[in-house]
Amino acid sequence: MRKYAIIRVPGSGPPALIDMDSIFSDKAEAQAKLAQIEKTQLKAHHTFLDIVSFEGNAEEELPKLGIIF
């Protein structure tokens, strides 16, 4: 099953999962949550958020994509 995770991508350093509640089975839900975060919580600094898709277990698959779990 394909899943979608919201990740933090810093200006330097590896990308990371923001939290376990940021993994969704529906891409539209992930996009809505990302929009909510960017509207209300994101501070201006050298980080942006993105959505990545993966299949399988997040703990195993995200590190394969270079994302800190």
Protein backbone atom coordinates (compact mmCIF):
# COMPACT_ATOMS: atom_id res chain seq x y z
CA MET A 1 0.00 0.00 0.00
CA ARG A 2 1.36 3.40 -0.98
CA LYS A 3 1.74 5.90 1.87
CA TYR A 4 2.64 9.58 1.98
CA ALA A 5 4.86 11.20 4.60
CA ILE A 6 5.45 14.86 5.36
CA ILE A 7 9.14 15.51 5.83
CA ARG A 8 11.26 18.44 6.95
CA VAL A 9 13.99 19.36 4.49
CA PRO A 10 16.63 21.60 6.09
CA GLY A 11 19.00 23.84 4.17
CA SER A 12 21.82 21.64 5.41
CA GLY A 13 21.60 18.12 6.68
CA PRO A 14 19.36 15.19 5.82
CA PRO A 15 15.58 15.35 5.49
CA ALA A 16 13.54 13.91 8.37
CA LEU A 17 10.04 12.72 9.11
CA ILE A 18 8.33 15.44 11.17
CA ASP A 19 6.42 12.96 13.36
CA MET A 20 4.50 9.68 13.23
CA ASP A 21 1.23 11.58 12.73
CA SER A 22 2.56 12.87 9.40
CA ILE A 23 2.16 9.55 7.56
CA PHE A 24 -1.03 9.20 5.49
CA SER A 25 -2.56 6.57 3.24
CA ASP A 26 -4.23 9.27 1.13
CA LYS A 27 -2.18 11.88 -0.75
CA ALA A 28 -4.93 14.50 -0.50
CA GLU A 29 -4.90 14.17 3.32
CA ALA A 30 -1.13 14.63 3.35
CA GLN A 31 -1.41 17.71 1.14
CA ALA A 32 -4.14 19.19 3.36
CA LYS A 33 -2.05 18.65 6.50
CA LEU A 34 1.01 20.15 4.82
CA ALA A 35 -1.01 23.24 3.85
CA GLN A 36 -2.30 23.57 7.41
CA ILE A 37 1.21 23.34 8.86
CA GLU A 38 2.63 25.86 6.40
CA LYS A 39 -0.22 28.28 7.09
CA THR A 40 -0.11 28.17 10.87
CA GLN A 41 3.13 26.71 12.21
CA LEU A 42 6.04 27.07 9.81
CA LYS A 43 8.58 29.70 10.84
CA ALA A 44 10.72 31.48 8.30
CA HIS A 45 14.12 29.83 8.33
CA HIS A 46 16.19 27.50 6.20
CA THR A 47 13.74 24.58 6.22
CA PHE A 48 10.83 23.61 4.02
CA LEU A 49 8.36 20.76 4.09
CA ASP A 50 7.70 18.21 1.38
CA ILE A 51 5.68 15.04 0.79
CA VAL A 52 7.33 11.76 -0.18
CA SER A 53 5.59 8.56 -1.17
CA PHE A 54 6.69 5.07 -0.22
CA GLU A 55 5.40 1.54 0.13
CA GLY A 56 5.81 -0.70 3.13
CA ASN A 57 6.95 0.04 6.64
CA ALA A 58 8.01 3.65 7.27
CA GLU A 59 10.79 2.62 9.68
CA GLU A 60 12.38 0.51 6.95
CA GLU A 61 11.55 2.44 3.78
CA LEU A 62 12.17 6.08 4.71
CA PRO A 63 15.84 5.51 5.61
CA LYS A 64 16.31 3.88 2.20
CA LEU A 65 15.20 7.23 0.73
CA GLY A 66 17.76 9.08 2.87
CA ILE A 67 15.13 10.33 5.32
CA ILE A 68 15.78 10.22 9.06
CA PHE A 69 13.03 8.34 10.83
